Amino acid sequence: MDVIKILAEVKDKVLDAAHYQLLESAYNLQEETITQLKSNNEALKENRQLQAEKTTQLEAENVELKAAIELLENQMPSTVEGELSHVAEGIIAKLFEDDLVNFSNAGLPQALGYNKIAVELALEELEKQGLIRLGSVDPQGSNYYLTTSGKQHTLKIGADTILSAR
């Protein structure tokens, strides 16, 4: 619908020339605004498409990197350097007992009977040894997962625990 044509038809019937020019400039500005909004909308659609492509690319790269990490973890020797602290061994034993591969630090101090500082130090020790990795952090606490070396060490500690109980 052409607003200018409608105004031209109504010009001599209802509006004087000054009012007509005022309305015409207002409608012209409105048309320019609509054109600009359409242009902005197209730019946003294009930007969204580029962001979706970038997200897909980053997700694929993330999968490749996780596979590379897993491969490197599998190639690492499964021996632990030195002795683990009593608290760290307790965490590993608890993971074996509860059959966990992923765990949160939120309930560990109560479950193990140690204070938070001792548990945090033990978790750092396990991380430095390459037995666990930080997975994510949420309001309840940090979430960890056992690495391949950690799984092997957990099985070893569990087997030792079972054998010593007999």
N, C-alpha and C. Protein backbone atom coordinates (compact mmCIF):
# COMPACT_ATOMS: atom_id res chain seq x y z
N MET A 1 0.85 -1.17 0.00
CA MET A 1 0.00 0.00 0.00
C MET A 1 0.90 1.24 0.00
N ASP A 2 0.73 2.12 -0.97
CA ASP A 2 1.57 3.30 -1.09
C ASP A 2 0.92 4.46 -0.35
N VAL A 3 1.54 4.85 0.75
CA VAL A 3 0.99 5.89 1.61
C VAL A 3 0.98 7.24 0.89
N ILE A 4 1.99 7.50 0.10
CA ILE A 4 2.09 8.78 -0.62
C ILE A 4 0.92 8.94 -1.60
N LYS A 5 0.52 7.88 -2.28
CA LYS A 5 -0.61 7.97 -3.21
C LYS A 5 -1.91 8.28 -2.47
N ILE A 6 -2.07 7.65 -1.30
CA ILE A 6 -3.28 7.92 -0.52
C ILE A 6 -3.31 9.38 -0.09
N LEU A 7 -2.17 9.88 0.36
CA LEU A 7 -2.12 11.28 0.78
C LEU A 7 -2.38 12.21 -0.39
N ALA A 8 -1.89 11.86 -1.56
CA ALA A 8 -2.14 12.70 -2.75
C ALA A 8 -3.62 12.75 -3.08
N GLU A 9 -4.33 11.63 -2.91
CA GLU A 9 -5.76 11.61 -3.18
C GLU A 9 -6.54 12.45 -2.16
N VAL A 10 -6.08 12.48 -0.94
CA VAL A 10 -6.79 13.17 0.13
C VAL A 10 -6.36 14.65 0.20
N LYS A 11 -5.34 15.05 -0.53
CA LYS A 11 -4.72 16.36 -0.41
C LYS A 11 -5.72 17.51 -0.47
N ASP A 12 -6.47 17.63 -1.50
CA ASP A 12 -7.37 18.77 -1.67
C ASP A 12 -8.68 18.60 -0.91
N LYS A 13 -8.97 17.43 -0.48
CA LYS A 13 -10.25 17.17 0.16
C LYS A 13 -10.23 17.47 1.65
N VAL A 14 -9.16 17.11 2.33
CA VAL A 14 -9.18 17.20 3.78
C VAL A 14 -8.05 18.08 4.31
N LEU A 15 -6.85 17.93 3.77
CA LEU A 15 -5.67 18.57 4.33
C LEU A 15 -5.23 19.77 3.51
N ASP A 16 -4.69 20.76 4.20
CA ASP A 16 -4.06 21.85 3.46
C ASP A 16 -2.64 21.43 3.13
N ALA A 17 -1.92 22.20 2.34
CA ALA A 17 -0.60 21.83 1.84
C ALA A 17 0.42 21.67 2.96
N ALA A 18 0.39 22.50 3.98
CA ALA A 18 1.35 22.43 5.08
C ALA A 18 1.18 21.12 5.86
N HIS A 19 -0.07 20.77 6.13
CA HIS A 19 -0.32 19.51 6.84
C HIS A 19 0.07 18.31 5.98
N TYR A 20 -0.21 18.44 4.69
CA TYR A 20 0.16 17.37 3.77
C TYR A 20 1.67 17.12 3.78
N GLN A 21 2.46 18.19 3.71
CA GLN A 21 3.91 18.05 3.70
C GLN A 21 4.41 17.47 5.03
N LEU A 22 3.80 17.88 6.11
CA LEU A 22 4.18 17.35 7.42
C LEU A 22 3.91 15.85 7.48
N LEU A 23 2.75 15.41 7.05
CA LEU A 23 2.41 13.99 7.04
C LEU A 23 3.30 13.22 6.07
N GLU A 24 3.56 13.83 4.91
CA GLU A 24 4.41 13.16 3.93
C GLU A 24 5.82 12.93 4.49
N SER A 25 6.40 13.92 5.15
CA SER A 25 7.74 13.74 5.72
C SER A 25 7.72 12.71 6.86
N ALA A 26 6.65 12.70 7.65
CA ALA A 26 6.54 11.71 8.74
C ALA A 26 6.46 10.29 8.16
N TYR A 27 5.69 10.12 7.13
CA TYR A 27 5.58 8.80 6.52
C TYR A 27 6.87 8.40 5.82
N ASN A 28 7.56 9.36 5.21
CA ASN A 28 8.85 9.06 4.59
C ASN A 28 9.87 8.60 5.64
N LEU A 29 9.89 9.29 6.78
CA LEU A 29 10.77 8.87 7.87
C LEU A 29 10.40 7.47 8.38
N GLN A 30 9.11 7.21 8.45
CA GLN A 30 8.66 5.89 8.90
C GLN A 30 9.07 4.81 7.90
N GLU A 31 8.98 5.11 6.63
CA GLU A 31 9.40 4.16 5.61
C GLU A 31 10.91 3.90 5.68
N GLU A 32 11.67 4.96 5.92
CA GLU A 32 13.12 4.79 6.08
C GLU A 32 13.45 3.94 7.30
N THR A 33 12.71 4.16 8.37
CA THR A 33 12.91 3.37 9.60
C THR A 33 12.59 1.90 9.35
N ILE A 34 11.51 1.66 8.64
CA ILE A 34 11.13 0.27 8.33
C ILE A 34 12.20 -0.38 7.47
N THR A 35 12.71 0.35 6.48
CA THR A 35 13.78 -0.17 5.62
C THR A 35 15.02 -0.50 6.45
N GLN A 36 15.38 0.41 7.36
CA GLN A 36 16.55 0.19 8.23
C GLN A 36 16.33 -1.02 9.13
N LEU A 37 15.14 -1.17 9.68
CA LEU A 37 14.84 -2.32 10.53
C LEU A 37 14.92 -3.63 9.75
N LYS A 38 14.44 -3.62 8.52
CA LYS A 38 14.55 -4.82 7.68
C LYS A 38 16.01 -5.15 7.42
N SER A 39 16.81 -4.12 7.14
CA SER A 39 18.23 -4.32 6.92
C SER A 39 18.91 -4.88 8.17
N ASN A 40 18.58 -4.31 9.33
CA ASN A 40 19.13 -4.81 10.60
C ASN A 40 18.71 -6.25 10.86
N ASN A 41 17.47 -6.58 10.54
CA ASN A 41 16.97 -7.93 10.73
C ASN A 41 17.74 -8.92 9.87
N GLU A 42 18.02 -8.56 8.63
CA GLU A 42 18.80 -9.42 7.74
C GLU A 42 20.22 -9.60 8.28
N ALA A 43 20.81 -8.51 8.78
CA ALA A 43 22.16 -8.60 9.34
C ALA A 43 22.17 -9.52 10.57
N LEU A 44 21.15 -9.42 11.39
CA LEU A 44 21.06 -10.29 12.57
C LEU A 44 20.88 -11.76 12.17
N LYS A 45 20.09 -12.01 11.16
CA LYS A 45 19.91 -13.38 10.68
C LYS A 45 21.24 -13.94 10.17
N GLU A 46 21.97 -13.13 9.43
CA GLU A 46 23.26 -13.56 8.91
C GLU A 46 24.24 -13.81 10.06
N ASN A 47 24.25 -12.92 11.04
CA ASN A 47 25.12 -13.07 12.20
C ASN A 47 24.77 -14.34 12.98
N ARG A 48 23.49 -14.59 13.13
CA ARG A 48 23.04 -15.80 13.84
C ARG A 48 23.50 -17.06 13.10
N GLN A 49 23.40 -17.03 11.79
CA GLN A 49 23.85 -18.17 11.00
C GLN A 49 25.34 -18.38 11.15
N LEU A 50 26.12 -17.30 11.14
CA LEU A 50 27.57 -17.40 11.32
C LEU A 50 27.90 -17.94 12.72
N GLN A 51 27.16 -17.49 13.72
CA GLN A 51 27.39 -17.97 15.09
C GLN A 51 27.05 -19.46 15.19
N ALA A 52 26.00 -19.89 14.52
CA ALA A 52 25.64 -21.31 14.54
C ALA A 52 26.72 -22.16 13.87
N GLU A 53 27.27 -21.66 12.77
CA GLU A 53 28.36 -22.37 12.10
C GLU A 53 29.59 -22.45 12.99
N LYS A 54 29.90 -21.33 13.66
CA LYS A 54 31.06 -21.29 14.56
C LYS A 54 30.86 -22.24 15.73
N THR A 55 29.65 -22.30 16.27
CA THR A 55 29.33 -23.21 17.37
C THR A 55 29.50 -24.65 16.93
N THR A 56 29.02 -24.98 15.75
CA THR A 56 29.17 -26.34 15.23
C THR A 56 30.64 -26.69 15.07
N GLN A 57 31.42 -25.74 14.55
CA GLN A 57 32.85 -25.95 14.37
C GLN A 57 33.53 -26.17 15.72
N LEU A 58 33.19 -25.34 16.72
CA LEU A 58 33.81 -25.47 18.04
C LEU A 58 33.41 -26.78 18.73
N GLU A 59 32.17 -27.19 18.55
CA GLU A 59 31.74 -28.47 19.13
C GLU A 59 32.50 -29.64 18.51
N ALA A 60 32.70 -29.59 17.20
CA ALA A 60 33.46 -30.65 16.54
C ALA A 60 34.91 -30.65 17.02
N GLU A 61 35.48 -29.46 17.17
CA GLU A 61 36.84 -29.36 17.68
C GLU A 61 36.93 -29.86 19.11
N ASN A 62 35.91 -29.58 19.91
CA ASN A 62 35.87 -30.06 21.30
C ASN A 62 35.86 -31.59 21.34
N VAL A 63 35.08 -32.21 20.47
CA VAL A 63 35.03 -33.67 20.42
C VAL A 63 36.40 -34.23 20.04
N GLU A 64 37.05 -33.60 19.05
CA GLU A 64 38.38 -34.05 18.65
C GLU A 64 39.39 -33.92 19.79
N LEU A 65 39.32 -32.80 20.51
CA LEU A 65 40.25 -32.58 21.62
C LEU A 65 40.01 -33.57 22.75
N LYS A 66 38.74 -33.86 23.05
CA LYS A 66 38.44 -34.86 24.09
C LYS A 66 38.99 -36.23 23.69
N ALA A 67 38.86 -36.57 22.41
CA ALA A 67 39.40 -37.85 21.94
C ALA A 67 40.92 -37.86 22.06
N ALA A 68 41.56 -36.73 21.74
CA ALA A 68 43.02 -36.65 21.87
C ALA A 68 43.45 -36.76 23.33
N ILE A 69 42.70 -36.13 24.24
CA ILE A 69 43.01 -36.23 25.67
C ILE A 69 42.88 -37.67 26.14
N GLU A 70 41.82 -38.33 25.73
CA GLU A 70 41.60 -39.73 26.13
C GLU A 70 42.72 -40.61 25.60
N LEU A 71 43.13 -40.37 24.37
CA LEU A 71 44.23 -41.13 23.78
C LEU A 71 45.51 -40.91 24.57
N LEU A 72 45.81 -39.67 24.89
CA LEU A 72 47.01 -39.37 25.67
C LEU A 72 46.94 -39.97 27.08
N GLU A 73 45.76 -39.92 27.69
CA GLU A 73 45.61 -40.52 29.02
C GLU A 73 45.85 -42.02 28.96
N ASN A 74 45.40 -42.66 27.89
CA ASN A 74 45.60 -44.10 27.75
C ASN A 74 47.07 -44.45 27.54
N GLN A 75 47.83 -43.51 26.96
CA GLN A 75 49.25 -43.76 26.71
C GLN A 75 50.11 -43.47 27.93
N MET A 76 49.54 -42.76 28.91
CA MET A 76 50.31 -42.42 30.11
C MET A 76 50.51 -43.67 30.97
N PRO A 77 51.65 -43.74 31.65
CA PRO A 77 51.85 -44.87 32.54
C PRO A 77 50.83 -44.82 33.68
N SER A 78 50.42 -46.00 34.12
CA SER A 78 49.36 -46.05 35.13
C SER A 78 49.90 -46.01 36.55
N THR A 79 51.18 -45.86 36.72
CA THR A 79 51.73 -45.83 38.07
C THR A 79 51.60 -44.43 38.65
N VAL A 80 51.41 -44.37 39.93
CA VAL A 80 51.30 -43.12 40.65
C VAL A 80 52.67 -42.81 41.24
N GLU A 81 53.10 -41.55 41.05
CA GLU A 81 54.40 -41.15 41.58
C GLU A 81 54.30 -40.98 43.09
N GLY A 82 55.06 -41.77 43.82
CA GLY A 82 55.08 -41.63 45.27
C GLY A 82 53.80 -42.13 45.92
N GLU A 83 53.77 -41.97 47.20
CA GLU A 83 52.61 -42.39 47.98
C GLU A 83 51.56 -41.30 48.00
N LEU A 84 50.31 -41.71 47.98
CA LEU A 84 49.22 -40.75 48.15
C LEU A 84 48.97 -40.55 49.64
N SER A 85 48.47 -39.37 49.98
CA SER A 85 48.14 -39.11 51.38
C SER A 85 46.99 -40.02 51.81
N HIS A 86 46.82 -40.12 53.11
CA HIS A 86 45.77 -40.96 53.67
C HIS A 86 44.38 -40.50 53.19
N VAL A 87 44.20 -39.18 53.13
CA VAL A 87 42.90 -38.64 52.69
C VAL A 87 42.68 -38.94 51.21
N ALA A 88 43.72 -38.78 50.39
CA ALA A 88 43.60 -39.08 48.96
C ALA A 88 43.28 -40.56 48.75
N GLU A 89 43.96 -41.43 49.48
CA GLU A 89 43.66 -42.87 49.40
C GLU A 89 42.22 -43.13 49.84
N GLY A 90 41.76 -42.38 50.86
CA GLY A 90 40.38 -42.53 51.32
C GLY A 90 39.37 -42.15 50.25
N ILE A 91 39.68 -41.09 49.51
CA ILE A 91 38.79 -40.67 48.42
C ILE A 91 38.74 -41.76 47.36
N ILE A 92 39.90 -42.28 46.97
CA ILE A 92 39.95 -43.35 45.96
C ILE A 92 39.20 -44.58 46.45
N ALA A 93 39.39 -44.94 47.72
CA ALA A 93 38.69 -46.10 48.27
C ALA A 93 37.18 -45.88 48.28
N LYS A 94 36.76 -44.66 48.59
CA LYS A 94 35.32 -44.33 48.60
C LYS A 94 34.74 -44.43 47.19
N LEU A 95 35.50 -43.98 46.19
CA LEU A 95 35.04 -44.08 44.81
C LEU A 95 34.88 -45.55 44.41
N PHE A 96 35.83 -46.39 44.84
CA PHE A 96 35.73 -47.81 44.53
C PHE A 96 34.53 -48.42 45.24
N GLU A 97 34.38 -48.08 46.52
CA GLU A 97 33.29 -48.62 47.34
C GLU A 97 31.92 -48.26 46.76
N ASP A 98 31.79 -46.98 46.32
CA ASP A 98 30.51 -46.51 45.79
C ASP A 98 30.38 -46.74 44.28
N ASP A 99 31.42 -47.32 43.65
CA ASP A 99 31.44 -47.61 42.22
C ASP A 99 31.16 -46.35 41.39
N LEU A 100 31.93 -45.30 41.68
CA LEU A 100 31.75 -44.00 41.01
C LEU A 100 32.90 -43.70 40.07
N VAL A 101 32.56 -43.09 38.94
CA VAL A 101 33.56 -42.60 38.00
C VAL A 101 33.51 -41.07 37.99
N ASN A 102 32.32 -40.51 38.17
CA ASN A 102 32.12 -39.07 38.28
C ASN A 102 31.63 -38.78 39.70
N PHE A 103 32.10 -37.70 40.30
CA PHE A 103 31.69 -37.41 41.67
C PHE A 103 31.81 -35.92 41.95
N SER A 104 31.15 -35.49 42.99
CA SER A 104 31.18 -34.10 43.42
C SER A 104 31.92 -34.01 44.75
N ASN A 105 32.57 -32.89 44.98
CA ASN A 105 33.28 -32.73 46.25
C ASN A 105 32.35 -32.30 47.37
N ALA A 106 31.08 -32.05 47.06
CA ALA A 106 30.15 -31.49 48.03
C ALA A 106 30.00 -32.37 49.28
N GLY A 107 29.83 -33.65 49.15
CA GLY A 107 29.58 -34.51 50.30
C GLY A 107 30.79 -35.26 50.81
N LEU A 108 31.94 -35.07 50.19
CA LEU A 108 33.12 -35.86 50.56
C LEU A 108 33.58 -35.65 52.01
N PRO A 109 33.66 -34.41 52.51
CA PRO A 109 34.14 -34.26 53.89
C PRO A 109 33.30 -35.05 54.90
N GLN A 110 31.98 -34.99 54.75
CA GLN A 110 31.11 -35.73 55.67
C GLN A 110 31.22 -37.24 55.45
N ALA A 111 31.29 -37.65 54.20
CA ALA A 111 31.34 -39.09 53.90
C ALA A 111 32.64 -39.72 54.39
N LEU A 112 33.73 -38.95 54.35
CA LEU A 112 35.03 -39.50 54.73
C LEU A 112 35.42 -39.17 56.17
N GLY A 113 34.73 -38.21 56.77
CA GLY A 113 35.05 -37.83 58.14
C GLY A 113 36.25 -36.91 58.24
N TYR A 114 36.56 -36.15 57.19
CA TYR A 114 37.67 -35.20 57.20
C TYR A 114 37.11 -33.80 57.03
N ASN A 115 37.93 -32.80 57.36
CA ASN A 115 37.47 -31.43 57.15
C ASN A 115 37.64 -31.05 55.68
N LYS A 116 37.01 -29.92 55.31
CA LYS A 116 37.02 -29.49 53.91
C LYS A 116 38.42 -29.22 53.39
N ILE A 117 39.26 -28.62 54.22
CA ILE A 117 40.61 -28.29 53.78
C ILE A 117 41.39 -29.55 53.42
N ALA A 118 41.30 -30.57 54.27
CA ALA A 118 42.01 -31.82 54.01
C ALA A 118 41.52 -32.47 52.71
N VAL A 119 40.21 -32.43 52.51
CA VAL A 119 39.64 -33.02 51.29
C VAL A 119 40.08 -32.22 50.06
N GLU A 120 40.06 -30.89 50.14
CA GLU A 120 40.48 -30.06 49.00
C GLU A 120 41.95 -30.32 48.67
N LEU A 121 42.80 -30.42 49.69
CA LEU A 121 44.22 -30.72 49.45
C LEU A 121 44.38 -32.10 48.79
N ALA A 122 43.61 -33.06 49.25
CA ALA A 122 43.68 -34.41 48.67
C ALA A 122 43.20 -34.40 47.22
N LEU A 123 42.15 -33.63 46.93
CA LEU A 123 41.66 -33.54 45.54
C LEU A 123 42.72 -32.89 44.65
N GLU A 124 43.39 -31.85 45.16
CA GLU A 124 44.48 -31.23 44.40
C GLU A 124 45.61 -32.24 44.16
N GLU A 125 45.90 -33.03 45.18
CA GLU A 125 46.94 -34.06 45.05
C GLU A 125 46.56 -35.08 43.98
N LEU A 126 45.31 -35.52 43.99
CA LEU A 126 44.84 -36.48 43.00
C LEU A 126 44.87 -35.87 41.59
N GLU A 127 44.56 -34.58 41.50
CA GLU A 127 44.63 -33.90 40.20
C GLU A 127 46.06 -33.83 39.70
N LYS A 128 46.99 -33.46 40.59
CA LYS A 128 48.40 -33.36 40.20
C LYS A 128 48.95 -34.71 39.77
N GLN A 129 48.46 -35.77 40.39
CA GLN A 129 48.90 -37.12 40.02
C GLN A 129 48.24 -37.58 38.72
N GLY A 130 47.26 -36.82 38.23
CA GLY A 130 46.59 -37.19 36.99
C GLY A 130 45.55 -38.28 37.18
N LEU A 131 45.08 -38.46 38.41
CA LEU A 131 44.08 -39.50 38.67
C LEU A 131 42.66 -38.98 38.51
N ILE A 132 42.46 -37.69 38.71
CA ILE A 132 41.14 -37.08 38.51
C ILE A 132 41.31 -35.80 37.71
N ARG A 133 40.23 -35.35 37.11
CA ARG A 133 40.19 -34.07 36.40
C ARG A 133 38.92 -33.34 36.84
N LEU A 134 39.01 -32.02 36.86
CA LEU A 134 37.86 -31.19 37.14
C LEU A 134 36.95 -31.20 35.92
N GLY A 135 35.70 -31.58 36.12
CA GLY A 135 34.76 -31.62 35.01
C GLY A 135 34.00 -30.32 34.88
N SER A 136 33.34 -29.90 35.96
CA SER A 136 32.56 -28.67 35.94
C SER A 136 32.40 -28.17 37.37
N VAL A 137 31.91 -26.95 37.47
CA VAL A 137 31.66 -26.35 38.78
C VAL A 137 30.23 -25.86 38.78
N ASP A 138 29.50 -26.17 39.83
CA ASP A 138 28.14 -25.68 39.97
C ASP A 138 27.96 -25.15 41.40
N PRO A 139 26.81 -24.59 41.72
CA PRO A 139 26.63 -24.00 43.05
C PRO A 139 26.83 -24.99 44.21
N GLN A 140 26.62 -26.28 43.98
CA GLN A 140 26.79 -27.26 45.03
C GLN A 140 28.26 -27.63 45.25
N GLY A 141 29.11 -27.43 44.26
CA GLY A 141 30.52 -27.77 44.41
C GLY A 141 31.14 -28.10 43.07
N SER A 142 32.35 -28.63 43.14
CA SER A 142 33.09 -29.00 41.93
C SER A 142 32.79 -30.45 41.58
N ASN A 143 32.68 -30.73 40.30
CA ASN A 143 32.43 -32.08 39.82
C ASN A 143 33.70 -32.59 39.15
N TYR A 144 34.11 -33.79 39.54
CA TYR A 144 35.34 -34.39 39.04
C TYR A 144 35.01 -35.69 38.33
N TYR A 145 35.96 -36.16 37.54
CA TYR A 145 35.85 -37.48 36.94
C TYR A 145 37.20 -38.16 37.01
N LEU A 146 37.16 -39.48 37.09
CA LEU A 146 38.39 -40.27 37.12
C LEU A 146 38.98 -40.35 35.73
N THR A 147 40.28 -40.17 35.63
CA THR A 147 40.98 -40.38 34.36
C THR A 147 41.20 -41.89 34.20
N THR A 148 41.74 -42.27 33.07
CA THR A 148 42.03 -43.69 32.87
C THR A 148 43.01 -44.18 33.93
N SER A 149 44.04 -43.39 34.22
CA SER A 149 44.99 -43.76 35.28
C SER A 149 44.28 -43.85 36.62
N GLY A 150 43.37 -42.93 36.85
CA GLY A 150 42.61 -42.95 38.10
C GLY A 150 41.75 -44.18 38.23
N LYS A 151 41.14 -44.59 37.14
CA LYS A 151 40.32 -45.81 37.16
C LYS A 151 41.19 -47.02 37.47
N GLN A 152 42.35 -47.07 36.83
CA GLN A 152 43.26 -48.20 37.08
C GLN A 152 43.73 -48.20 38.52
N HIS A 153 44.07 -47.03 39.04
CA HIS A 153 44.54 -46.94 40.43
C HIS A 153 43.40 -47.29 41.40
N THR A 154 42.19 -46.86 41.08
CA THR A 154 41.03 -47.16 41.92
C THR A 154 40.81 -48.67 41.98
N LEU A 155 40.92 -49.34 40.85
CA LEU A 155 40.76 -50.79 40.83
C LEU A 155 41.86 -51.47 41.64
N LYS A 156 43.08 -50.95 41.53
CA LYS A 156 44.20 -51.51 42.30
C LYS A 156 43.96 -51.34 43.80
N ILE A 157 43.56 -50.14 44.20
CA ILE A 157 43.29 -49.88 45.63
C ILE A 157 42.13 -50.77 46.11
N GLY A 158 41.11 -50.89 45.26
CA GLY A 158 39.96 -51.74 45.63
C GLY A 158 40.37 -53.19 45.76
N ALA A 159 41.19 -53.68 44.84
CA ALA A 159 41.66 -55.07 44.92
C ALA A 159 42.52 -55.27 46.17
N ASP A 160 43.39 -54.31 46.47
CA ASP A 160 44.22 -54.40 47.68
C ASP A 160 43.35 -54.42 48.94
N THR A 161 42.31 -53.60 48.94
CA THR A 161 41.41 -53.53 50.09
C THR A 161 40.68 -54.85 50.29
N ILE A 162 40.22 -55.43 49.21
CA ILE A 162 39.51 -56.72 49.29
C ILE A 162 40.44 -57.81 49.76
N LEU A 163 41.67 -57.83 49.22
CA LEU A 163 42.64 -58.86 49.61
C LEU A 163 43.06 -58.71 51.07
N SER A 164 43.22 -57.46 51.53
CA SER A 164 43.65 -57.28 52.93
C SER A 164 42.52 -57.59 53.89
N ALA A 165 41.28 -57.54 53.46
CA ALA A 165 40.14 -57.85 54.32
C ALA A 165 40.00 -59.36 54.52
N ARG A 166 40.60 -60.15 53.65
CA ARG A 166 40.46 -61.61 53.74
C ARG A 166 41.40 -62.19 54.70
